[in-house]
C-alpha atoms as a PDB file:
ATOM      1  CA  UNK A   1      -7.605  10.635 -33.204  1.00  0.00           C
ATOM      2  CA  UNK A   2      -6.521  14.210 -33.932  1.00  0.00           C
ATOM      3  CA  UNK A   3     -10.079  15.221 -34.842  1.00  0.00           C
ATOM      4  CA  UNK A   4     -11.343  14.688 -31.270  1.00  0.00           C
ATOM      5  CA  UNK A   5      -8.310  15.782 -29.237  1.00  0.00           C
ATOM      6  CA  UNK A   6      -8.133  19.345 -27.980  1.00  0.00           C
ATOM      7  CA  UNK A   7      -4.448  19.681 -28.814  1.00  0.00           C
ATOM      8  CA  UNK A   8      -3.854  23.179 -27.410  1.00  0.00           C
ATOM      9  CA  UNK A   9      -5.193  22.519 -23.912  1.00  0.00           C
ATOM     10  CA  UNK A  10      -3.546  19.122 -23.779  1.00  0.00           C
ATOM     11  CA  UNK A  11      -0.069  20.440 -24.564  1.00  0.00           C
ATOM     12  CA  UNK A  12      -0.350  22.885 -21.661  1.00  0.00           C
ATOM     13  CA  UNK A  13      -1.179  20.091 -19.228  1.00  0.00           C
ATOM     14  CA  UNK A  14       1.232  17.448 -20.474  1.00  0.00           C
ATOM     15  CA  UNK A  15       4.387  19.055 -19.049  1.00  0.00           C
ATOM     16  CA  UNK A  16       5.060  17.809 -15.543  1.00  0.00           C
ATOM     17  CA  UNK A  17       2.026  15.508 -15.514  1.00  0.00           C
ATOM     18  CA  UNK A  18       3.900  12.389 -14.441  1.00  0.00           C
ATOM     19  CA  UNK A  19       5.533  14.109 -11.493  1.00  0.00           C
ATOM     20  CA  UNK A  20       2.441  16.013 -10.338  1.00  0.00           C
ATOM     21  CA  UNK A  21      -0.114  13.220 -10.084  1.00  0.00           C
ATOM     22  CA  UNK A  22      -0.215   9.964  -8.157  1.00  0.00           C
ATOM     23  CA  UNK A  23      -0.285   6.550  -9.797  1.00  0.00           C
ATOM     24  CA  UNK A  24      -3.863   5.310  -9.700  1.00  0.00           C
ATOM     25  CA  UNK A  25      -3.386   1.706 -10.787  1.00  0.00           C
ATOM     26  CA  UNK A  26      -1.669  -1.192  -9.025  1.00  0.00           C
ATOM     27  CA  UNK A  27       0.514  -3.501 -11.076  1.00  0.00           C
ATOM     28  CA  UNK A  28      -0.622  -7.053 -10.184  1.00  0.00           C
ATOM     29  CA  UNK A  29       2.790  -8.412 -11.153  1.00  0.00           C
ATOM     30  CA  UNK A  30       4.395  -6.451  -8.295  1.00  0.00           C
ATOM     31  CA  UNK A  31       1.670  -6.409  -5.630  1.00  0.00           C
ATOM     32  CA  UNK A  32       1.441  -9.744  -3.776  1.00  0.00           C
ATOM     33  CA  UNK A  33      -1.954  -8.956  -2.227  1.00  0.00           C
ATOM     34  CA  UNK A  34      -3.518  -8.131  -5.578  1.00  0.00           C
ATOM     35  CA  UNK A  35      -1.931 -11.203  -7.177  1.00  0.00           C
ATOM     36  CA  UNK A  36      -3.539 -13.398  -4.503  1.00  0.00           C
ATOM     37  CA  UNK A  37      -7.027 -12.110  -5.232  1.00  0.00           C
ATOM     38  CA  UNK A  38      -6.548 -11.573  -8.962  1.00  0.00           C
ATOM     39  CA  UNK A  39      -8.790 -14.408 -10.268  1.00  0.00           C
ATOM     40  CA  UNK A  40     -11.887 -13.094  -8.472  1.00  0.00           C
ATOM     41  CA  UNK A  41     -11.034  -9.461  -9.229  1.00  0.00           C
ATOM     42  CA  UNK A  42     -10.458 -10.208 -12.895  1.00  0.00           C
ATOM     43  CA  UNK A  43     -13.801 -11.996 -13.162  1.00  0.00           C
ATOM     44  CA  UNK A  44     -15.586  -9.034 -11.575  1.00  0.00           C
ATOM     45  CA  UNK A  45     -13.904  -6.424 -13.758  1.00  0.00           C
ATOM     46  CA  UNK A  46     -14.172  -8.299 -17.055  1.00  0.00           C
ATOM     47  CA  UNK A  47     -17.901  -8.897 -16.547  1.00  0.00           C
ATOM     48  CA  UNK A  48     -18.358  -5.159 -16.056  1.00  0.00           C
ATOM     49  CA  UNK A  49     -16.835  -4.306 -19.435  1.00  0.00           C
ATOM     50  CA  UNK A  50     -18.641  -7.111 -21.236  1.00  0.00           C
ATOM     51  CA  UNK A  51     -21.972  -5.951 -19.827  1.00  0.00           C
ATOM     52  CA  UNK A  52     -21.166  -2.363 -20.772  1.00  0.00           C
ATOM     53  CA  UNK A  53     -20.645  -3.446 -24.375  1.00  0.00           C
ATOM     54  CA  UNK A  54     -24.125  -4.998 -24.303  1.00  0.00           C
ATOM     55  CA  UNK A  55     -25.630  -1.834 -22.858  1.00  0.00           C
ATOM     56  CA  UNK A  56     -24.001   0.314 -25.528  1.00  0.00           C
ATOM     57  CA  UNK A  57     -25.407  -1.922 -28.270  1.00  0.00           C
ATOM     58  CA  UNK A  58     -28.915  -1.754 -26.786  1.00  0.00           C
ATOM     59  CA  UNK A  59     -29.097   1.812 -25.475  1.00  0.00           C
ATOM     60  CA  UNK A  60     -27.224   3.965 -28.003  1.00  0.00           C
ATOM     61  CA  UNK A  61     -29.099   4.964 -31.140  1.00  0.00           C
ATOM     62  CA  UNK A  62     -25.819   5.276 -33.044  1.00  0.00           C
ATOM     63  CA  UNK A  63     -23.356   2.414 -33.342  1.00  0.00           C
ATOM     64  CA  UNK A  64     -20.337   4.435 -34.381  1.00  0.00           C
ATOM     65  CA  UNK A  65     -18.214   7.153 -32.862  1.00  0.00           C
ATOM     66  CA  UNK A  66     -15.831   7.202 -29.902  1.00  0.00           C
ATOM     67  CA  UNK A  67     -15.754   5.415 -26.541  1.00  0.00           C
ATOM     68  CA  UNK A  68     -13.362   6.693 -23.859  1.00  0.00           C
ATOM     69  CA  UNK A  69     -12.167   4.442 -21.038  1.00  0.00           C
ATOM     70  CA  UNK A  70     -10.982   6.655 -18.168  1.00  0.00           C
ATOM     71  CA  UNK A  71      -8.299   5.213 -15.885  1.00  0.00           C
ATOM     72  CA  UNK A  72      -7.681   2.521 -18.471  1.00  0.00           C
ATOM     73  CA  UNK A  73      -4.627   1.144 -16.627  1.00  0.00           C
ATOM     74  CA  UNK A  74      -3.024  -1.543 -18.775  1.00  0.00           C
ATOM     75  CA  UNK A  75      -5.869  -1.404 -21.270  1.00  0.00           C
ATOM     76  CA  UNK A  76      -7.660  -4.722 -20.797  1.00  0.00           C
ATOM     77  CA  UNK A  77     -11.086  -3.058 -20.466  1.00  0.00           C
ATOM     78  CA  UNK A  78     -10.555  -0.797 -23.456  1.00  0.00           C
ATOM     79  CA  UNK A  79      -9.568  -3.816 -25.520  1.00  0.00           C
ATOM     80  CA  UNK A  80     -12.700  -5.720 -24.472  1.00  0.00           C
ATOM     81  CA  UNK A  81     -14.810  -2.794 -25.685  1.00  0.00           C
ATOM     82  CA  UNK A  82     -12.850  -2.583 -28.934  1.00  0.00           C
ATOM     83  CA  UNK A  83     -13.355  -6.276 -29.678  1.00  0.00           C
ATOM     84  CA  UNK A  84     -17.035  -6.283 -28.734  1.00  0.00           C
ATOM     85  CA  UNK A  85     -17.811  -2.986 -30.490  1.00  0.00           C
ATOM     86  CA  UNK A  86     -15.597  -2.896 -33.611  1.00  0.00           C
ATOM     87  CA  UNK A  87     -17.551  -0.044 -35.247  1.00  0.00           C
ATOM     88  CA  UNK A  88     -16.425   2.356 -32.479  1.00  0.00           C
ATOM     89  CA  UNK A  89     -13.061   4.009 -31.898  1.00  0.00           C
ATOM     90  CA  UNK A  90     -11.916   3.205 -28.346  1.00  0.00           C
ATOM     91  CA  UNK A  91      -9.564   5.552 -26.513  1.00  0.00           C
ATOM     92  CA  UNK A  92      -7.915   4.499 -23.255  1.00  0.00           C
ATOM     93  CA  UNK A  93      -6.971   7.462 -21.031  1.00  0.00           C
ATOM     94  CA  UNK A  94      -4.502   6.874 -18.189  1.00  0.00           C
ATOM     95  CA  UNK A  95      -2.389   9.085 -15.951  1.00  0.00           C
ATOM     96  CA  UNK A  96       0.433   6.613 -15.306  1.00  0.00           C
ATOM     97  CA  UNK A  97       3.026   6.565 -18.066  1.00  0.00           C
ATOM     98  CA  UNK A  98       4.294   3.052 -17.221  1.00  0.00           C
ATOM     99  CA  UNK A  99       0.786   1.571 -17.353  1.00  0.00           C
ATOM    100  CA  UNK A 100       0.248   3.213 -20.720  1.00  0.00           C
ATOM    101  CA  UNK A 101       3.436   1.668 -22.085  1.00  0.00           C
ATOM    102  CA  UNK A 102       2.198  -1.773 -21.046  1.00  0.00           C
ATOM    103  CA  UNK A 103      -1.234  -1.088 -22.508  1.00  0.00           C
ATOM    104  CA  UNK A 104       0.242  -0.134 -25.873  1.00  0.00           C
ATOM    105  CA  UNK A 105       2.397  -3.265 -25.828  1.00  0.00           C
ATOM    106  CA  UNK A 106      -0.198  -5.774 -24.586  1.00  0.00           C
ATOM    107  CA  UNK A 107      -3.519  -4.332 -25.813  1.00  0.00           C
ATOM    108  CA  UNK A 108      -2.757  -2.961 -29.253  1.00  0.00           C
ATOM    109  CA  UNK A 109      -6.293  -2.361 -30.534  1.00  0.00           C
ATOM    110  CA  UNK A 110      -7.394   0.848 -28.794  1.00  0.00           C
ATOM    111  CA  UNK A 111      -5.700   4.235 -29.018  1.00  0.00           C
ATOM    112  CA  UNK A 112      -4.163   5.597 -25.807  1.00  0.00           C
ATOM    113  CA  UNK A 113      -3.668   9.052 -24.317  1.00  0.00           C
ATOM    114  CA  UNK A 114      -1.906  10.121 -21.157  1.00  0.00           C
ATOM    115  CA  UNK A 115      -4.227  12.366 -19.191  1.00  0.00           C
ATOM    116  CA  UNK A 116      -6.228  12.904 -16.049  1.00  0.00           C
ATOM    117  CA  UNK A 117      -9.926  12.219 -15.624  1.00  0.00           C
ATOM    118  CA  UNK A 118     -10.394  15.670 -14.082  1.00  0.00           C
ATOM    119  CA  UNK A 119      -9.336  17.281 -17.370  1.00  0.00           C
ATOM    120  CA  UNK A 120     -10.109  14.836 -20.149  1.00  0.00           C
ATOM    121  CA  UNK A 121      -7.941  15.520 -23.236  1.00  0.00           C
ATOM    122  CA  UNK A 122     -10.865  15.310 -25.656  1.00  0.00           C
ATOM    123  CA  UNK A 123     -13.010  17.945 -27.343  1.00  0.00           C
ATOM    124  CA  UNK A 124     -16.422  18.907 -25.990  1.00  0.00           C
ATOM    125  CA  UNK A 125     -19.294  16.823 -27.339  1.00  0.00           C
ATOM    126  CA  UNK A 126     -16.976  14.391 -29.133  1.00  0.00           C
ATOM    127  CA  UNK A 127     -17.654  11.096 -27.319  1.00  0.00           C
ATOM    128  CA  UNK A 128     -20.600   8.675 -27.500  1.00  0.00           C
ATOM    129  CA  UNK A 129     -19.786   6.688 -24.337  1.00  0.00           C
ATOM    130  CA  UNK A 130     -17.428   6.949 -21.369  1.00  0.00           C
ATOM    131  CA  UNK A 131     -16.467   4.300 -18.833  1.00  0.00           C
ATOM    132  CA  UNK A 132     -14.946   5.076 -15.436  1.00  0.00           C
ATOM    133  CA  UNK A 133     -14.497   1.808 -13.563  1.00  0.00           C
ATOM    134  CA  UNK A 134     -12.248   1.412 -10.500  1.00  0.00           C
ATOM    135  CA  UNK A 135     -11.399   5.101 -10.746  1.00  0.00           C
ATOM    136  CA  UNK A 136     -13.561   7.494  -8.737  1.00  0.00           C
ATOM    137  CA  UNK A 137     -12.496   6.184  -5.322  1.00  0.00           C
ATOM    138  CA  UNK A 138      -8.876   7.016  -6.180  1.00  0.00           C
ATOM    139  CA  UNK A 139      -9.732  10.724  -6.380  1.00  0.00           C
ATOM    140  CA  UNK A 140     -10.423  13.365  -3.759  1.00  0.00           C
ATOM    141  CA  UNK A 141     -13.978  14.677  -3.295  1.00  0.00           C
ATOM    142  CA  UNK A 142     -13.308  17.783  -5.352  1.00  0.00           C
ATOM    143  CA  UNK A 143     -11.672  15.768  -8.129  1.00  0.00           C
ATOM    144  CA  UNK A 144     -14.610  13.357  -8.168  1.00  0.00           C
ATOM    145  CA  UNK A 145     -16.941  16.250  -8.869  1.00  0.00           C
ATOM    146  CA  UNK A 146     -14.615  17.517 -11.581  1.00  0.00           C
ATOM    147  CA  UNK A 147     -14.489  14.056 -13.179  1.00  0.00           C
ATOM    148  CA  UNK A 148     -18.273  14.009 -13.629  1.00  0.00           C
ATOM    149  CA  UNK A 149     -18.344  17.617 -14.872  1.00  0.00           C
ATOM    150  CA  UNK A 150     -15.618  16.835 -17.417  1.00  0.00           C
ATOM    151  CA  UNK A 151     -17.478  13.720 -18.512  1.00  0.00           C
ATOM    152  CA  UNK A 152     -20.600  15.780 -19.150  1.00  0.00           C
ATOM    153  CA  UNK A 153     -18.519  18.214 -21.207  1.00  0.00           C
ATOM    154  CA  UNK A 154     -17.032  15.662 -23.610  1.00  0.00           C
ATOM    155  CA  UNK A 155     -20.193  13.572 -24.038  1.00  0.00           C
ATOM    156  CA  UNK A 156     -22.313  14.258 -27.083  1.00  0.00           C
ATOM    157  CA  UNK A 157     -26.096  14.707 -26.640  1.00  0.00           C
ATOM    158  CA  UNK A 158     -27.676  11.341 -25.856  1.00  0.00           C
ATOM    159  CA  UNK A 159     -24.297   9.769 -25.004  1.00  0.00           C
ATOM    160  CA  UNK A 160     -23.830   7.408 -22.050  1.00  0.00           C
ATOM    161  CA  UNK A 161     -21.613   7.450 -18.952  1.00  0.00           C
ATOM    162  CA  UNK A 162     -20.841   4.172 -17.123  1.00  0.00           C
ATOM    163  CA  UNK A 163     -19.440   4.541 -13.610  1.00  0.00           C
ATOM    164  CA  UNK A 164     -18.621   2.119 -10.787  1.00  0.00           C
ATOM    165  CA  UNK A 165     -17.822   2.713  -7.123  1.00  0.00           C
ATOM    166  CA  UNK A 166     -17.105   0.163  -4.380  1.00  0.00           C
ATOM    167  CA  UNK A 167     -19.099  -0.165  -1.205  1.00  0.00           C
ATOM    168  CA  UNK A 168     -17.442   2.422   1.119  1.00  0.00           C
ATOM    169  CA  UNK A 169     -15.434   0.287   3.529  1.00  0.00           C
ATOM    170  CA  UNK A 170     -12.240   2.230   4.250  1.00  0.00           C
ATOM    171  CA  UNK A 171     -13.728   4.689   6.755  1.00  0.00           C
ATOM    172  CA  UNK A 172     -15.327   3.930  10.115  1.00  0.00           C
ATOM    173  CA  UNK A 173     -18.604   5.472  11.251  1.00  0.00           C
ATOM    174  CA  UNK A 174     -16.737   8.387  12.864  1.00  0.00           C
ATOM    175  CA  UNK A 175     -14.819   9.155   9.677  1.00  0.00           C
ATOM    176  CA  UNK A 176     -11.502   7.540  10.628  1.00  0.00           C
ATOM    177  CA  UNK A 177      -9.525   5.117   8.462  1.00  0.00           C
ATOM    178  CA  UNK A 178     -10.187   1.522   9.484  1.00  0.00           C
ATOM    179  CA  UNK A 179      -7.791  -1.421   9.562  1.00  0.00           C
ATOM    180  CA  UNK A 180      -8.945  -2.542   6.098  1.00  0.00           C
ATOM    181  CA  UNK A 181      -8.635   0.915   4.541  1.00  0.00           C
ATOM    182  CA  UNK A 182      -7.241   0.877   1.021  1.00  0.00           C
ATOM    183  CA  UNK A 183      -4.304   3.331   0.969  1.00  0.00           C
ATOM    184  CA  UNK A 184      -4.959   4.021  -2.718  1.00  0.00           C
ATOM    185  CA  UNK A 185      -8.565   5.135  -2.090  1.00  0.00           C
ATOM    186  CA  UNK A 186      -8.742   8.849  -1.291  1.00  0.00           C
ATOM    187  CA  UNK A 187     -12.521   8.907  -0.871  1.00  0.00           C
ATOM    188  CA  UNK A 188     -15.073   6.136  -1.312  1.00  0.00           C
ATOM    189  CA  UNK A 189     -18.330   7.939  -2.084  1.00  0.00           C
ATOM    190  CA  UNK A 190     -21.697   6.524  -1.116  1.00  0.00           C
ATOM    191  CA  UNK A 191     -24.128   5.793  -3.914  1.00  0.00           C
ATOM    192  CA  UNK A 192     -26.136   8.827  -2.756  1.00  0.00           C
ATOM    193  CA  UNK A 193     -23.067  11.053  -3.229  1.00  0.00           C
ATOM    194  CA  UNK A 194     -22.518   9.678  -6.727  1.00  0.00           C
ATOM    195  CA  UNK A 195     -26.125  10.253  -7.701  1.00  0.00           C
ATOM    196  CA  UNK A 196     -25.905  13.857  -6.523  1.00  0.00           C
ATOM    197  CA  UNK A 197     -22.715  14.473  -8.524  1.00  0.00           C
ATOM    198  CA  UNK A 198     -24.320  13.066 -11.650  1.00  0.00           C
ATOM    199  CA  UNK A 199     -27.353  15.312 -11.264  1.00  0.00           C
ATOM    200  CA  UNK A 200     -25.229  18.411 -10.564  1.00  0.00           C
ATOM    201  CA  UNK A 201     -23.375  17.792 -13.840  1.00  0.00           C
ATOM    202  CA  UNK A 202     -26.672  17.844 -15.726  1.00  0.00           C
ATOM    203  CA  UNK A 203     -26.789  14.140 -16.563  1.00  0.00           C
ATOM    204  CA  UNK A 204     -29.793  11.850 -16.116  1.00  0.00           C
ATOM    205  CA  UNK A 205     -29.452   8.542 -14.278  1.00  0.00           C
ATOM    206  CA  UNK A 206     -30.977   5.864 -16.510  1.00  0.00           C
ATOM    207  CA  UNK A 207     -29.731   2.715 -14.746  1.00  0.00           C
ATOM    208  CA  UNK A 208     -28.649   1.533 -11.287  1.00  0.00           C
ATOM    209  CA  UNK A 209     -26.963  -1.860 -10.995  1.00  0.00           C
ATOM    210  CA  UNK A 210     -24.634  -3.765  -8.724  1.00  0.00           C
ATOM    211  CA  UNK A 211     -22.305  -6.739  -8.357  1.00  0.00           C
ATOM    212  CA  UNK A 212     -21.847  -9.157  -5.460  1.00  0.00           C
ATOM    213  CA  UNK A 213     -24.996  -8.515  -3.421  1.00  0.00           C
ATOM    214  CA  UNK A 214     -24.928  -9.276   0.335  1.00  0.00           C
ATOM    215  CA  UNK A 215     -27.581  -8.955   3.093  1.00  0.00           C
ATOM    216  CA  UNK A 216     -27.595  -5.652   4.984  1.00  0.00           C
ATOM    217  CA  UNK A 217     -27.160  -7.366   8.372  1.00  0.00           C
ATOM    218  CA  UNK A 218     -24.112  -9.245   7.072  1.00  0.00           C
ATOM    219  CA  UNK A 219     -22.405  -6.143   5.720  1.00  0.00           C
ATOM    220  CA  UNK A 220     -22.870  -4.266   9.000  1.00  0.00           C
ATOM    221  CA  UNK A 221     -21.272  -7.104  10.948  1.00  0.00           C
ATOM    222  CA  UNK A 222     -18.403  -7.438   8.488  1.00  0.00           C
ATOM    223  CA  UNK A 223     -17.764  -3.693   8.615  1.00  0.00           C
ATOM    224  CA  UNK A 224     -17.347  -3.813  12.396  1.00  0.00           C
ATOM    225  CA  UNK A 225     -14.845  -6.647  12.077  1.00  0.00           C
ATOM    226  CA  UNK A 226     -12.867  -5.265   9.155  1.00  0.00           C
ATOM    227  CA  UNK A 227     -12.597  -1.825  10.742  1.00  0.00           C
ATOM    228  CA  UNK A 228     -10.446  -3.504  13.400  1.00  0.00           C
ATOM    229  CA  UNK A 229      -8.789  -6.224  11.330  1.00  0.00           C
ATOM    230  CA  UNK A 230      -7.484  -5.940   7.729  1.00  0.00           C
ATOM    231  CA  UNK A 231      -9.800  -8.635   6.383  1.00  0.00           C
ATOM    232  CA  UNK A 232     -11.966  -6.787   3.857  1.00  0.00           C
ATOM    233  CA  UNK A 233     -10.081  -8.109   0.772  1.00  0.00           C
ATOM    234  CA  UNK A 234     -10.509 -11.642   2.085  1.00  0.00           C
ATOM    235  CA  UNK A 235     -14.232 -11.090   2.585  1.00  0.00           C
ATOM    236  CA  UNK A 236     -14.733  -9.643  -0.888  1.00  0.00           C
ATOM    237  CA  UNK A 237     -12.476 -11.769  -3.094  1.00  0.00           C
ATOM    238  CA  UNK A 238     -11.730 -15.068  -1.360  1.00  0.00           C
ATOM    239  CA  UNK A 239     -15.309 -16.110  -0.617  1.00  0.00           C
ATOM    240  CA  UNK A 240     -16.897 -17.407  -3.865  1.00  0.00           C
ATOM    241  CA  UNK A 241     -19.449 -14.893  -5.123  1.00  0.00           C
ATOM    242  CA  UNK A 242     -21.898 -14.277  -7.914  1.00  0.00           C
ATOM    243  CA  UNK A 243     -20.436 -11.270  -9.753  1.00  0.00           C
ATOM    244  CA  UNK A 244     -23.192 -11.111 -12.351  1.00  0.00           C
ATOM    245  CA  UNK A 245     -24.605  -7.616 -12.788  1.00  0.00           C
ATOM    246  CA  UNK A 246     -28.140  -7.089 -11.513  1.00  0.00           C
ATOM    247  CA  UNK A 247     -30.472  -4.210 -10.751  1.00  0.00           C
ATOM    248  CA  UNK A 248     -30.160  -2.841  -7.233  1.00  0.00           C
ATOM    249  CA  UNK A 249     -32.863  -3.640  -4.676  1.00  0.00           C
ATOM    250  CA  UNK A 250     -33.660  -2.654  -1.098  1.00  0.00           C
ATOM    251  CA  UNK A 251     -33.070  -6.094   0.441  1.00  0.00           C
ATOM    252  CA  UNK A 252     -29.368  -6.503  -0.328  1.00  0.00           C
ATOM    253  CA  UNK A 253     -26.372  -4.219  -0.766  1.00  0.00           C
ATOM    254  CA  UNK A 254     -23.966  -4.596  -3.711  1.00  0.00           C
ATOM    255  CA  UNK A 255     -20.240  -4.552  -2.983  1.00  0.00           C
ATOM    256  CA  UNK A 256     -19.920  -2.571  -6.210  1.00  0.00           C
ATOM    257  CA  UNK A 257     -22.437   0.017  -7.443  1.00  0.00           C
ATOM    258  CA  UNK A 258     -22.714   0.643 -11.181  1.00  0.00           C
ATOM    259  CA  UNK A 259     -24.475   3.690 -12.622  1.00  0.00           C
ATOM    260  CA  UNK A 260     -25.539   4.504 -16.146  1.00  0.00           C
ATOM    261  CA  UNK A 261     -26.078   8.198 -16.857  1.00  0.00           C
ATOM    262  CA  UNK A 262     -27.088   9.893 -20.068  1.00  0.00           C
ATOM    263  CA  UNK A 263     -26.548  13.391 -21.411  1.00  0.00           C
ATOM    264  CA  UNK A 264     -29.881  14.942 -22.432  1.00  0.00           C
ATOM    265  CA  UNK A 265     -30.640  15.322 -26.081  1.00  0.00           C
ATOM    266  CA  UNK A 266     -30.536  18.871 -27.368  1.00  0.00           C
END
């Protein structure tokens, strides 16, 4: 991977990286709450990567190059992409050293780099597709903007960016943290905020999709309840749901928004 890595800038950032940045991924083997809801969560997340592989096959004119999976965690998503798209090099990028060690041990196919999404350790214009799933909400507002700007930098002309964000449930209407607030989520952006960030970075939105659609009246009622009681995870992952990926519509709200953006051709 040396031909796509900006070695000089990366060496400057590597020192002190583990100590300076927070861990963005939860280890399901240690977190009882996550382990309880893991079957539903796994189904949701795996479908997202499998669908992304389909989109890459259909939407990219080239079927070779590099795919970067930001916030790769323990590498399961990167490995799905590698298996589904064998003509591409897949690079998993993760800030947490311990997660990377597990990824290298359990998911041996992709290459892995330790790095932050706000300063991607890849050369400008070197990547044909980037995924950022279960990542943006773990960053501050300013870092979210930097993530999209950095993505635009490393994408080649015509390349694709796949991004997901959850329905914003952690904050109440007056901006306070509710009873169901996820302590690992620094800011859950609305889909309007995400669209604005994508446009500011100079990318074009070419697809809007979602998973787990619910009626607007239902979500408003659930929000009022879960702001007072820590029941949001139960609502999302215990109740059986259709996690298939569909285009967004005005009648129902997805619990997860998925965007596809493209860098303009030169």
